[in-house]
Amino acid sequence: MADRNRSIFQEVETAEKPAAAPGGIARGSRAGARRAIRAWLMALFALVVVMIAVGGLTRLTDSGLSITEWAPISGAVPPLSQADWQAEFEAYKQIPEYIEQNAGMSMAEFKVIYWWEWGHRQLGRVIGLVWALGFAGFLLARKIPAGWTGRLLLLGGLGGLQGAIGWWMVHSGLQDGMLDVASYRLATHLGLAFAILGLIAWYVFQLGRPEADLIQARRLGDSRLVSLSTGLMHVTFVQILLGALVAGIDAGRAFPSWPLMAGGIFPPAPFELTPLWRNFFEDAGLVQFIHRTWGYLLFIFAAVVWWRGRGAGNPATRVAFNAAFAAITVQMLIGIATVLYQAPWQIAIVHQAVAVLVFVLILRARHLSRYPLPQSLRGA
């Protein structure tokens, strides 16, 4: 009997360790790789947040048209001599923005707006480089978990597309009769930036927990809350696009009163432009009215989602919905202040920054609805 017990004990003690995961990555290595990729994505996330802020300031300072060509490689080097600066300035003098709005601008004033736009583009190059080096490093080291190569490659592809859309946007402002970029192109540019940011945030949430934990947690997810938070995410995204349309034509400065616009609920003469569709992009009163109205609908819908989120069985999920609704409430108040003070850049950039916070907090609430965090019986 002793021999049998000893043999059983020895068999357990000397049992083979779990085989390595497909691709030769052991469990510990796989967890380490997830942490490393997550850290890299968090760095990219921070850079994209800064990029959105710098892009907003570039628009608010009317700097976006100061560089009149798209040179992804050679453009990384700024003017290094007086002759170089003069050549850039002369190119800017040929576009309608200078002729009709900034005629007589000094070289010193031009340099200010030039550096804003150059910095914006340079930051885009840095983001692309950080993505490329990170992706290549993880790929060559075979550290990318199964199923993640395509997702990470997608980020790089969207980043490249964003650069092309950025030039497509700037090019619209260089045409005859244009003093700014086309507002719908600005909205496309900002919308893609938020889509990239949202994807990175979601990937960070996913990589923050082991895959096995996510599979188990999904069985406890609240499908109704997932649907509601998904809807809230989409409604918020539309509001962000509408905000870009407002910024594109400076519509936020047109009617500095709230809740009425020029003494009425509806702005005066909202459909004077022809063809009719132009009013939805170019009439300051109508564009601001749509942004306001959608904001009211968003707030009401957010309140409904928050109320439903209060009933979540997981405390972390409840906290996430509380945070999202609080941020939306703050954002609405900042939006009202932006209108009342005619969109000074200090308030306008805070409004844009809080939009980033709102979007990410909604994504966090959605993630926790689908993948609730583990909790003790006491917590339940």
Protein backbone atom coordinates (compact mmCIF):
# COMPACT_ATOMS: atom_id res chain seq x y z
CA MET A 1 0.00 0.00 0.00
CA ALA A 2 2.84 2.36 0.87
CA ASP A 3 4.42 1.68 -2.47
CA ARG A 4 1.16 2.37 -4.25
CA ASN A 5 0.67 5.65 -2.34
CA ARG A 6 4.22 6.66 -3.07
CA SER A 7 3.85 5.85 -6.74
CA ILE A 8 0.67 7.88 -6.96
CA PHE A 9 2.35 10.81 -5.20
CA GLN A 10 5.33 10.57 -7.48
CA GLU A 11 3.09 10.48 -10.53
CA VAL A 12 1.40 13.71 -9.50
CA GLU A 13 4.66 15.36 -8.63
CA THR A 14 6.35 14.42 -11.87
CA ALA A 15 3.35 14.96 -14.14
CA GLU A 16 4.17 16.78 -17.31
CA LYS A 17 3.63 20.53 -17.29
CA PRO A 18 0.99 21.94 -19.60
CA ALA A 19 2.13 22.04 -23.18
CA ALA A 20 3.09 25.33 -24.69
CA ALA A 21 0.38 27.25 -26.43
CA PRO A 22 0.24 27.20 -30.23
CA GLY A 23 3.09 29.16 -31.72
CA GLY A 24 5.49 28.14 -28.97
CA ILE A 25 4.34 30.73 -26.44
CA ALA A 26 3.95 29.37 -22.92
CA ARG A 27 1.28 30.62 -20.54
CA GLY A 28 3.62 32.97 -18.64
CA SER A 29 5.17 34.28 -21.82
CA ARG A 30 1.73 34.82 -23.30
CA ALA A 31 0.64 36.85 -20.28
CA GLY A 32 3.82 38.90 -20.46
CA ALA A 33 3.26 39.55 -24.14
CA ARG A 34 -0.29 40.75 -23.46
CA ARG A 35 1.04 43.17 -20.83
CA ALA A 36 3.74 44.47 -23.16
CA ILE A 37 1.34 44.98 -26.05
CA ARG A 38 -1.12 46.66 -23.70
CA ALA A 39 1.57 49.08 -22.51
CA TRP A 40 2.45 49.87 -26.13
CA LEU A 41 -1.21 50.49 -26.96
CA MET A 42 -1.59 52.73 -23.92
CA ALA A 43 1.32 54.82 -25.22
CA LEU A 44 -0.40 55.02 -28.61
CA PHE A 45 -3.65 55.96 -26.87
CA ALA A 46 -1.95 58.85 -25.05
CA LEU A 47 -0.38 60.06 -28.29
CA VAL A 48 -3.73 59.98 -30.11
CA VAL A 49 -5.36 61.96 -27.28
CA VAL A 50 -2.62 64.59 -27.59
CA MET A 51 -3.06 64.51 -31.36
CA ILE A 52 -6.77 65.26 -31.04
CA ALA A 53 -6.03 68.16 -28.70
CA VAL A 54 -3.33 69.58 -30.96
CA GLY A 55 -5.62 69.18 -33.95
CA GLY A 56 -8.32 71.10 -32.12
CA LEU A 57 -5.94 73.91 -31.26
CA THR A 58 -4.69 73.95 -34.85
CA ARG A 59 -8.26 74.54 -35.98
CA LEU A 60 -9.00 77.10 -33.26
CA THR A 61 -5.88 79.12 -34.16
CA ASP A 62 -6.69 78.96 -37.91
CA SER A 63 -3.34 77.31 -38.53
CA GLY A 64 -4.40 74.33 -40.60
CA LEU A 65 -3.80 75.88 -44.03
CA SER A 66 -0.37 77.33 -43.32
CA ILE A 67 1.38 74.38 -45.04
CA THR A 68 0.11 74.13 -48.59
CA GLU A 69 1.61 70.81 -49.69
CA TRP A 70 1.58 67.23 -48.49
CA ALA A 71 5.09 65.85 -48.10
CA PRO A 72 4.92 62.90 -45.68
CA ILE A 73 8.69 62.32 -45.71
CA SER A 74 10.46 65.58 -46.60
CA GLY A 75 7.87 67.58 -44.66
CA ALA A 76 9.29 66.20 -41.43
CA VAL A 77 12.09 68.76 -41.76
CA PRO A 78 10.88 72.33 -41.06
CA PRO A 79 12.29 75.40 -42.83
CA LEU A 80 15.94 75.77 -41.80
CA SER A 81 16.90 79.04 -43.47
CA GLN A 82 15.39 82.41 -44.16
CA ALA A 83 15.02 81.44 -47.80
CA ASP A 84 13.08 78.33 -46.81
CA TRP A 85 10.77 80.37 -44.60
CA GLN A 86 10.21 82.89 -47.37
CA ALA A 87 9.30 80.13 -49.82
CA GLU A 88 6.73 78.71 -47.40
CA PHE A 89 5.30 82.16 -46.76
CA GLU A 90 5.02 82.91 -50.46
CA ALA A 91 3.13 79.66 -51.01
CA TYR A 92 0.71 80.60 -48.23
CA LYS A 93 0.17 84.04 -49.79
CA GLN A 94 -1.34 82.38 -52.86
CA ILE A 95 -4.31 80.80 -51.10
CA PRO A 96 -7.68 82.52 -50.41
CA GLU A 97 -7.24 82.45 -46.62
CA TYR A 98 -4.29 84.83 -46.83
CA ILE A 99 -5.69 86.96 -49.66
CA GLU A 100 -9.13 87.52 -48.12
CA GLN A 101 -8.48 87.12 -44.39
CA ASN A 102 -4.80 87.50 -43.45
CA ALA A 103 -3.43 89.94 -45.99
CA GLY A 104 -0.58 91.89 -44.46
CA MET A 105 0.40 89.13 -42.04
CA SER A 106 4.00 89.40 -40.88
CA MET A 107 6.57 86.64 -41.10
CA ALA A 108 6.52 86.31 -37.31
CA GLU A 109 2.74 85.81 -37.34
CA PHE A 110 3.04 83.28 -40.14
CA LYS A 111 5.61 81.29 -38.20
CA VAL A 112 3.18 80.91 -35.30
CA ILE A 113 0.49 79.25 -37.41
CA TYR A 114 3.08 77.30 -39.39
CA TRP A 115 4.53 75.71 -36.23
CA TRP A 116 1.05 74.68 -35.08
CA GLU A 117 0.34 72.84 -38.33
CA TRP A 118 3.85 71.41 -38.58
CA GLY A 119 3.61 70.15 -35.01
CA HIS A 120 0.26 68.53 -35.77
CA ARG A 121 1.66 66.72 -38.80
CA GLN A 122 4.87 65.80 -36.99
CA LEU A 123 2.90 64.24 -34.16
CA GLY A 124 1.11 62.14 -36.75
CA ARG A 125 4.48 60.92 -38.01
CA VAL A 126 5.55 60.07 -34.46
CA ILE A 127 2.37 58.05 -33.91
CA GLY A 128 2.98 56.18 -37.16
CA LEU A 129 6.56 55.45 -36.15
CA VAL A 130 5.59 54.25 -32.67
CA TRP A 131 2.99 51.94 -34.19
CA ALA A 132 5.36 50.60 -36.89
CA LEU A 133 8.26 49.93 -34.52
CA GLY A 134 6.03 48.30 -31.93
CA PHE A 135 4.14 46.15 -34.41
CA ALA A 136 7.29 45.02 -36.18
CA GLY A 137 9.01 44.25 -32.89
CA PHE A 138 6.18 42.12 -31.53
CA LEU A 139 5.70 40.40 -34.88
CA LEU A 140 9.37 39.48 -35.31
CA ALA A 141 9.55 38.29 -31.69
CA ARG A 142 6.40 36.21 -32.23
CA LYS A 143 4.83 37.81 -29.18
CA ILE A 144 1.48 38.71 -30.72
CA PRO A 145 -1.29 36.52 -29.24
CA ALA A 146 -3.41 34.43 -31.57
CA GLY A 147 -6.07 36.50 -33.31
CA TRP A 148 -4.42 39.84 -32.59
CA THR A 149 -2.19 40.36 -35.63
CA GLY A 150 -5.05 41.57 -37.81
CA ARG A 151 -6.38 43.88 -35.10
CA LEU A 152 -3.03 45.55 -34.55
CA LEU A 153 -2.42 45.79 -38.29
CA LEU A 154 -5.82 47.46 -38.64
CA LEU A 155 -4.66 50.27 -36.36
CA GLY A 156 -1.73 50.98 -38.64
CA GLY A 157 -3.92 50.92 -41.72
CA LEU A 158 -6.40 53.34 -40.17
CA GLY A 159 -3.52 55.60 -39.13
CA GLY A 160 -2.27 55.75 -42.72
CA LEU A 161 -5.79 56.45 -43.96
CA GLN A 162 -6.07 59.23 -41.39
CA GLY A 163 -3.01 60.93 -42.83
CA ALA A 164 -4.50 60.81 -46.33
CA ILE A 165 -7.84 62.15 -45.07
CA GLY A 166 -5.96 64.94 -43.29
CA TRP A 167 -4.51 66.10 -46.58
CA TRP A 168 -7.89 65.64 -48.32
CA MET A 169 -9.28 67.97 -45.66
CA VAL A 170 -6.52 70.58 -45.99
CA HIS A 171 -6.70 70.49 -49.77
CA SER A 172 -10.34 71.59 -49.64
CA GLY A 173 -9.30 74.80 -47.89
CA LEU A 174 -6.81 75.69 -50.61
CA GLN A 175 -9.47 75.99 -53.31
CA ASP A 176 -10.92 79.24 -54.67
CA GLY A 177 -13.57 80.75 -52.41
CA MET A 178 -12.54 78.71 -49.36
CA LEU A 179 -11.26 80.42 -46.21
CA ASP A 180 -11.33 77.23 -44.14
CA VAL A 181 -11.37 73.52 -44.77
CA ALA A 182 -14.69 71.90 -45.73
CA SER A 183 -16.56 71.18 -42.52
CA TYR A 184 -17.70 67.71 -43.59
CA ARG A 185 -14.08 66.77 -44.32
CA LEU A 186 -13.10 68.07 -40.88
CA ALA A 187 -15.85 65.90 -39.38
CA THR A 188 -14.54 62.88 -41.29
CA HIS A 189 -11.02 63.55 -40.03
CA LEU A 190 -12.14 63.91 -36.41
CA GLY A 191 -14.53 60.99 -36.64
CA LEU A 192 -11.77 58.65 -37.79
CA ALA A 193 -9.53 59.91 -34.99
CA PHE A 194 -12.20 58.94 -32.45
CA ALA A 195 -12.72 55.58 -34.16
CA ILE A 196 -9.00 54.85 -33.85
CA LEU A 197 -9.01 56.03 -30.25
CA GLY A 198 -12.02 53.84 -29.48
CA LEU A 199 -10.40 50.77 -31.00
CA ILE A 200 -7.21 51.31 -29.02
CA ALA A 201 -9.19 51.79 -25.80
CA TRP A 202 -11.17 48.60 -26.43
CA TYR A 203 -8.00 46.63 -27.12
CA VAL A 204 -6.46 47.97 -23.91
CA PHE A 205 -9.52 46.83 -21.97
CA GLN A 206 -9.36 43.39 -23.61
CA LEU A 207 -5.65 42.91 -22.95
CA GLY A 208 -6.02 43.99 -19.33
CA ARG A 209 -7.46 40.57 -18.45
CA PRO A 210 -6.52 37.01 -19.45
CA GLU A 211 -8.42 35.59 -22.38
CA ALA A 212 -9.81 32.78 -20.23
CA ASP A 213 -11.22 35.32 -17.76
CA LEU A 214 -12.92 37.22 -20.57
CA ILE A 215 -14.52 34.04 -21.91
CA GLN A 216 -15.84 33.19 -18.47
CA ALA A 217 -16.97 36.76 -17.74
CA ARG A 218 -18.93 36.99 -20.97
CA ARG A 219 -21.29 34.30 -19.70
CA LEU A 220 -22.28 36.70 -16.92
CA GLY A 221 -22.63 39.75 -19.19
CA ASP A 222 -25.83 41.80 -19.37
CA SER A 223 -26.92 41.73 -23.02
CA ARG A 224 -29.46 44.51 -22.52
CA LEU A 225 -26.85 46.82 -21.02
CA VAL A 226 -24.47 45.95 -23.83
CA SER A 227 -27.12 46.98 -26.37
CA LEU A 228 -27.96 50.20 -24.55
CA SER A 229 -24.32 51.21 -24.12
CA THR A 230 -23.66 50.38 -27.77
CA GLY A 231 -26.50 52.69 -28.75
CA LEU A 232 -25.15 55.40 -26.44
CA MET A 233 -21.73 55.03 -28.03
CA HIS A 234 -23.20 55.55 -31.50
CA VAL A 235 -25.34 58.53 -30.46
CA THR A 236 -22.30 60.11 -28.82
CA PHE A 237 -20.19 59.52 -31.92
CA VAL A 238 -22.77 61.32 -34.06
CA GLN A 239 -22.68 64.24 -31.61
CA ILE A 240 -18.90 64.40 -31.96
CA LEU A 241 -19.27 64.59 -35.74
CA LEU A 242 -21.87 67.36 -35.36
CA GLY A 243 -19.47 69.20 -33.08
CA ALA A 244 -16.85 69.04 -35.83
CA LEU A 245 -19.33 70.58 -38.26
CA VAL A 246 -19.91 73.40 -35.76
CA ALA A 247 -16.16 73.96 -35.38
CA GLY A 248 -15.60 73.82 -39.13
CA ILE A 249 -17.65 76.96 -39.78
CA ASP A 250 -17.24 78.64 -36.35
CA ALA A 251 -20.96 78.11 -35.75
CA GLY A 252 -20.38 78.03 -32.01
CA ARG A 253 -19.88 81.81 -32.05
CA ALA A 254 -23.01 82.63 -34.01
CA PHE A 255 -25.73 82.64 -31.32
CA PRO A 256 -24.30 83.37 -27.85
CA SER A 257 -27.50 82.67 -25.93
CA TRP A 258 -29.14 79.67 -24.28
CA PRO A 259 -31.61 78.01 -24.36
CA LEU A 260 -33.01 80.26 -27.10
CA MET A 261 -31.29 81.26 -30.35
CA ALA A 262 -31.82 84.93 -31.25
CA GLY A 263 -34.92 84.92 -29.07
CA GLY A 264 -36.46 81.77 -30.54
CA ILE A 265 -36.16 78.04 -30.31
CA PHE A 266 -35.33 77.78 -34.00
CA PRO A 267 -32.63 80.00 -35.58
CA PRO A 268 -33.78 82.67 -38.03
CA ALA A 269 -33.59 81.98 -41.79
CA PRO A 270 -32.01 78.53 -41.60
CA PHE A 271 -32.60 77.47 -45.22
CA GLU A 272 -31.41 80.41 -47.30
CA LEU A 273 -28.54 78.62 -49.04
CA THR A 274 -29.02 76.68 -52.25
CA PRO A 275 -29.01 73.85 -52.90
CA LEU A 276 -30.84 72.89 -49.72
CA TRP A 277 -28.27 70.38 -48.45
CA ARG A 278 -25.64 73.13 -48.06
CA ASN A 279 -27.55 74.57 -45.12
CA PHE A 280 -26.88 71.45 -43.06
CA PHE A 281 -23.14 72.04 -43.43
CA GLU A 282 -22.73 75.77 -43.96
CA ASP A 283 -25.56 77.66 -42.21
CA ALA A 284 -24.21 78.55 -38.77
CA GLY A 285 -27.63 78.78 -37.14
CA LEU A 286 -28.93 75.47 -38.45
CA VAL A 287 -25.68 73.61 -37.75
CA GLN A 288 -25.58 74.90 -34.17
CA PHE A 289 -29.30 74.11 -33.70
CA ILE A 290 -28.79 70.50 -34.81
CA HIS A 291 -25.80 70.14 -32.48
CA ARG A 292 -27.82 71.54 -29.56
CA THR A 293 -30.88 69.39 -30.27
CA TRP A 294 -28.87 66.21 -30.68
CA GLY A 295 -27.15 67.08 -27.40
CA TYR A 296 -30.51 67.20 -25.61
CA LEU A 297 -31.49 63.84 -27.08
CA LEU A 298 -28.12 62.42 -26.11
CA PHE A 299 -28.52 63.60 -22.52
CA ILE A 300 -32.01 62.11 -22.23
CA PHE A 301 -30.87 58.80 -23.69
CA ALA A 302 -27.80 58.82 -21.41
CA ALA A 303 -30.06 59.30 -18.40
CA VAL A 304 -32.13 56.27 -19.45
CA VAL A 305 -29.00 54.16 -19.94
CA TRP A 306 -27.61 55.32 -16.59
CA TRP A 307 -30.86 54.44 -14.82
CA ARG A 308 -30.77 50.98 -16.35
CA GLY A 309 -27.09 50.67 -15.42
CA ARG A 310 -27.92 51.32 -11.77
CA GLY A 311 -29.55 47.91 -11.74
CA ALA A 312 -26.43 46.06 -12.89
CA GLY A 313 -25.53 43.18 -10.61
CA ASN A 314 -21.83 44.04 -10.65
CA PRO A 315 -20.72 47.07 -8.61
CA ALA A 316 -17.85 47.92 -10.98
CA THR A 317 -20.32 48.05 -13.86
CA ARG A 318 -22.60 50.37 -11.90
CA VAL A 319 -19.67 52.68 -11.16
CA ALA A 320 -18.73 52.72 -14.84
CA PHE A 321 -22.22 53.87 -15.86
CA ASN A 322 -22.22 56.49 -13.10
CA ALA A 323 -18.92 57.86 -14.38
CA ALA A 324 -20.11 57.95 -18.00
CA PHE A 325 -23.31 59.82 -17.13
CA ALA A 326 -21.44 62.27 -14.88
CA ALA A 327 -19.02 63.05 -17.71
CA ILE A 328 -21.89 63.57 -20.16
CA THR A 329 -23.56 65.97 -17.72
CA VAL A 330 -20.33 67.95 -17.31
CA GLN A 331 -19.87 67.99 -21.08
CA MET A 332 -23.35 69.43 -21.59
CA LEU A 333 -22.61 72.23 -19.12
CA ILE A 334 -19.29 72.98 -20.83
CA GLY A 335 -21.10 73.05 -24.17
CA ILE A 336 -23.54 75.66 -22.84
CA ALA A 337 -20.63 77.74 -21.54
CA THR A 338 -18.91 77.44 -24.91
CA VAL A 339 -21.97 78.93 -26.60
CA LEU A 340 -22.53 81.69 -24.04
CA TYR A 341 -18.90 82.85 -24.24
CA GLN A 342 -18.78 82.53 -28.05
CA ALA A 343 -16.36 79.59 -28.12
CA PRO A 344 -13.07 81.05 -26.86
CA TRP A 345 -10.29 78.57 -27.54
CA GLN A 346 -9.70 77.92 -23.83
CA ILE A 347 -13.25 76.62 -23.32
CA ALA A 348 -13.58 75.05 -26.76
CA ILE A 349 -10.51 72.86 -26.29
CA VAL A 350 -11.77 71.71 -22.88
CA HIS A 351 -15.08 70.84 -24.57
CA GLN A 352 -13.21 68.69 -27.08
CA ALA A 353 -11.04 67.07 -24.40
CA VAL A 354 -14.07 66.11 -22.31
CA ALA A 355 -15.61 64.58 -25.44
CA VAL A 356 -12.65 62.17 -25.45
CA LEU A 357 -13.29 61.37 -21.79
CA VAL A 358 -17.00 60.80 -22.41
CA PHE A 359 -16.35 58.47 -25.34
CA VAL A 360 -13.81 56.37 -23.45
CA LEU A 361 -15.98 56.12 -20.33
CA ILE A 362 -18.92 54.91 -22.43
CA LEU A 363 -16.65 52.28 -23.98
CA ARG A 364 -15.54 51.27 -20.48
CA ALA A 365 -19.13 50.86 -19.34
CA ARG A 366 -19.90 48.84 -22.46
CA HIS A 367 -16.91 46.59 -21.87
CA LEU A 368 -17.87 45.92 -18.26
CA SER A 369 -21.43 45.18 -19.36
CA ARG A 370 -20.13 42.48 -21.65
CA TYR A 371 -17.28 41.28 -19.43
CA PRO A 372 -18.16 41.96 -15.76
CA LEU A 373 -15.29 41.96 -13.31
CA PRO A 374 -15.09 39.06 -10.84
CA GLN A 375 -16.73 39.80 -7.50
CA SER A 376 -17.02 38.09 -4.16
CA LEU A 377 -20.30 36.68 -2.84
CA ARG A 378 -20.38 39.54 -0.37
CA GLY A 379 -20.00 42.03 -3.24
CA ALA A 380 -22.85 40.36 -5.08
